[in-house]
Protein backbone atom coordinates (compact mmCIF):
# COMPACT_ATOMS: atom_id res chain seq x y z
CA MET A 1 -0.05 -0.05 -0.09
CA VAL A 2 1.98 2.97 -1.34
CA GLY A 3 0.90 6.57 -1.30
CA ILE A 4 2.21 9.95 -2.13
CA ASN A 5 2.09 12.28 0.89
CA PRO A 6 1.66 15.79 -0.38
CA ALA A 7 2.54 17.15 3.15
CA SER A 8 5.83 15.37 3.27
CA PRO A 9 8.73 17.87 3.71
CA LEU A 10 10.70 15.97 1.15
CA PRO A 11 9.48 16.33 -2.56
CA GLY A 12 7.90 13.40 -4.13
CA GLY A 13 8.14 11.52 -0.61
CA VAL A 14 6.54 8.12 -0.78
CA GLN A 15 5.21 6.49 2.47
CA THR A 16 3.75 3.23 3.18
CA ALA A 17 1.38 2.12 5.86
CA GLN A 18 3.74 -0.17 7.52
CA SER A 19 6.83 1.96 7.57
CA LEU A 20 7.82 5.62 7.00
CA PHE A 21 10.66 5.18 4.54
CA TYR A 22 11.41 8.05 2.18
CA CYS A 23 11.55 6.51 -1.33
CA GLU A 24 12.78 8.10 -4.50
CA ARG A 25 11.25 6.61 -7.51
CA ASP A 26 11.79 7.25 -11.31
CA ASN A 27 8.21 7.40 -12.37
CA SER A 28 9.13 9.07 -15.79
CA ARG A 29 10.48 5.64 -16.87
CA MET A 30 8.05 3.19 -15.09
CA SER A 31 7.34 1.49 -18.47
CA ASP A 32 11.01 0.73 -18.91
CA GLY A 33 11.63 -0.68 -15.50
CA TYR A 34 11.32 -0.38 -11.72
CA THR A 35 13.51 1.84 -9.70
CA GLU A 36 13.49 2.35 -5.96
CA SER A 37 16.06 3.96 -3.59
CA ARG A 38 15.68 4.64 0.17
CA PRO A 39 17.71 4.55 3.42
CA MET A 40 18.29 1.23 5.13
CA MET A 41 16.75 2.51 8.30
CA PRO A 42 13.55 4.49 8.60
CA ARG A 43 14.28 7.99 9.68
CA GLN A 44 12.46 7.95 12.95
CA LEU A 45 14.58 4.86 14.06
CA SER A 46 17.75 6.69 12.95
CA LEU A 47 16.93 9.64 14.98
CA ILE A 48 16.02 7.59 17.97
CA ALA A 49 19.39 5.63 17.77
CA THR A 50 21.09 9.04 17.40
CA GLY A 51 19.40 10.29 20.59
CA VAL A 52 20.27 7.26 22.53
CA MET A 53 24.06 7.43 21.56
CA LEU A 54 24.29 11.07 22.32
CA ALA A 55 22.58 10.63 25.67
CA THR A 56 25.08 7.84 26.37
CA LEU A 57 28.06 9.91 25.54
CA ALA A 58 26.56 12.78 27.72
CA PHE A 59 26.13 10.44 30.56
CA MET A 60 29.81 9.15 30.24
CA VAL A 61 31.05 12.72 30.31
CA PHE A 62 28.82 13.58 33.29
CA SER A 63 29.91 10.36 35.14
CA LYS A 64 33.67 11.05 34.53
CA PHE A 65 33.82 14.68 35.40
CA VAL A 66 30.94 15.51 37.68
CA MET A 67 30.31 12.22 39.49
CA ASP A 68 34.06 11.27 39.35
CA VAL A 69 33.41 7.88 38.44
CA GLU A 70 36.75 5.84 37.89
CA PHE A 71 37.09 4.79 34.14
CA THR A 72 39.66 5.68 31.63
CA THR A 73 39.51 9.05 30.02
CA TRP A 74 40.28 7.75 26.66
CA ALA A 75 37.06 5.79 26.39
CA ILE A 76 35.10 9.09 25.98
CA PRO A 77 36.74 10.34 22.66
CA VAL A 78 36.88 6.53 21.37
CA MET A 79 33.14 6.21 22.02
CA ALA A 80 32.40 9.64 20.41
CA VAL A 81 34.10 8.48 17.23
CA VAL A 82 32.33 5.00 17.17
CA PHE A 83 29.05 6.64 17.73
CA ALA A 84 29.51 9.27 14.98
CA VAL A 85 30.44 6.57 12.52
CA VAL A 86 27.32 4.57 13.50
CA ILE A 87 25.25 7.74 13.40
CA ALA A 88 26.47 8.50 9.83
CA LEU A 89 25.87 4.87 8.72
CA CYS A 90 22.32 5.02 10.00
CA PHE A 91 21.44 8.11 7.83
CA PHE A 92 23.58 7.45 4.70
CA LEU A 93 23.31 3.60 4.06
CA LYS A 94 20.92 3.02 1.06
CA HIS A 95 18.78 0.19 -0.10
CA SER A 96 18.35 0.48 -3.88
CA VAL A 97 16.74 -1.86 -6.43
CA LYS A 98 16.56 -1.19 -10.25
CA VAL A 99 14.86 -3.40 -12.71
CA ASP A 100 15.42 -2.94 -16.36
CA PRO A 101 15.55 -5.13 -19.51
CA GLU A 102 19.19 -6.17 -18.72
CA GLY A 103 18.41 -7.39 -15.21
CA VAL A 104 18.07 -6.56 -11.49
CA LYS A 105 20.57 -4.22 -9.85
CA ILE A 106 20.66 -4.23 -6.08
CA VAL A 107 22.78 -1.78 -3.92
CA HIS A 108 22.25 -2.74 -0.05
CA ALA A 109 24.48 -0.88 2.17
CA VAL A 110 28.02 -1.47 0.61
CA SER A 111 27.29 -4.56 -1.32
CA ARG A 112 26.07 -4.60 -4.97
CA MET A 113 24.59 -7.36 -7.06
CA THR A 114 23.56 -7.55 -10.61
CA ILE A 115 21.42 -10.36 -11.63
CA PRO A 116 21.08 -10.83 -15.56
CA MET A 117 17.42 -11.36 -16.76
CA GLU A 118 18.49 -14.73 -18.18
CA GLU A 119 19.33 -16.11 -14.76
CA ILE A 120 15.93 -15.52 -13.29
CA ILE A 121 13.65 -18.63 -13.64
CA ASP A 122 10.74 -17.72 -11.35
CA ASN A 123 9.56 -15.16 -8.73
CA ARG A 124 7.40 -14.93 -5.77
CA THR A 125 5.85 -11.86 -4.11
CA GLY A 126 4.48 -11.38 -0.56
CA GLU A 127 5.52 -11.27 3.08
CA LEU A 128 9.18 -11.60 3.38
CA ALA A 129 8.77 -14.39 6.19
CA LEU A 130 6.58 -16.50 3.76
CA ILE A 131 8.55 -15.97 0.44
CA ARG A 132 11.85 -17.18 2.13
CA SER A 133 10.39 -20.84 2.31
CA TYR A 134 11.56 -22.46 -0.78
CA ASP A 135 8.96 -25.39 -0.41
CA ARG A 136 6.83 -24.54 -3.50
CA TRP A 137 10.08 -24.56 -5.59
CA ASN A 138 11.22 -27.96 -4.43
CA LEU A 139 14.77 -26.81 -3.79
CA LYS A 140 17.22 -28.62 -1.55
CA GLY A 141 20.59 -27.28 -0.68
CA VAL A 142 19.79 -23.79 -1.88
CA LYS A 143 22.04 -20.98 -1.73
CA HIS A 144 20.22 -17.80 -0.75
CA LYS A 145 20.85 -14.02 -0.18
CA ALA A 146 18.44 -11.57 1.40
CA TYR A 147 18.67 -7.75 0.91
CA CYS A 148 16.19 -6.29 3.07
CA ALA A 149 15.61 -2.81 4.71
CA VAL A 150 15.08 -2.51 8.29
CA GLY A 151 11.38 -2.76 9.05
CA ASP A 152 10.06 -3.93 5.70
CA ASP A 153 7.43 -6.73 5.49
CA ASN A 154 7.01 -7.26 1.87
CA GLY A 155 9.32 -8.16 -1.09
CA VAL A 156 10.20 -10.29 -4.05
CA ALA A 157 12.14 -13.74 -4.06
CA MET A 158 13.77 -14.66 -7.40
CA LYS A 159 14.60 -18.25 -8.08
CA LEU A 160 17.94 -18.28 -10.09
CA THR A 161 19.82 -20.76 -12.12
CA GLY A 162 22.26 -22.85 -10.07
CA LYS A 163 19.77 -23.50 -7.11
CA ARG A 164 20.11 -19.89 -5.81
CA VAL A 165 17.44 -17.61 -4.42
CA VAL A 166 17.53 -13.81 -3.91
CA VAL A 167 15.03 -12.07 -1.76
CA VAL A 168 14.85 -8.42 -1.89
CA SER A 169 12.39 -6.10 0.07
CA VAL A 170 10.67 -3.51 -1.95
CA ILE A 171 7.75 -1.14 -1.39
CA ASP A 172 5.71 -2.37 -4.42
CA PRO A 173 6.48 -6.01 -4.93
CA GLU A 174 3.80 -6.53 -7.60
CA ALA A 175 5.22 -3.84 -9.87
CA MET A 176 8.72 -5.33 -9.64
CA ALA A 177 7.52 -8.90 -10.07
CA ALA A 178 5.54 -7.88 -13.16
CA LEU A 179 8.80 -7.06 -14.97
CA LEU A 180 10.58 -10.34 -14.02
CA PRO A 181 10.26 -13.84 -15.78
CA LYS A 182 7.65 -16.13 -14.25
CA ASP A 183 7.51 -19.84 -14.46
CA THR A 184 4.24 -20.83 -15.93
CA GLU A 185 4.39 -24.56 -15.07
CA GLU A 186 3.18 -24.07 -11.41
């Protein structure tokens, strides 16, 4: 269930009922493919994590210099650097999916994967917990990879050549699945 929120502070902000991800979509080329790009974590969750880390750092400074608790002084700047890196990752890691006639391109955090259209045998859409089950495809010893954004419930599972399955979370699984090859024997 995807909708455009005209009151969104971000232009073209797409929000779902389940999660409040900001999603950039290339609507001008929807007939050519499917494109989706958004942060790995919802903005609200990133803000909460930032607040908790800053409060922890403030408590460490307060404990060391006001309450005179005994711990090493170097721990404060080390934790400040660690928290700064984690905060930056919360806001800047992306989950992007692009489907075009050549194949599926997935960018998840720092990993990239390209799946040529010739390698896709079948696909399934639905809730991630259900489509990760390979019972309907009768696969044993399957190698699988999952590329999911935090808080997502729906996605597409793609059966590939060589007993491989790739699961990717997307906001509009039906639109993506319509562009992928489907096994008609089932």
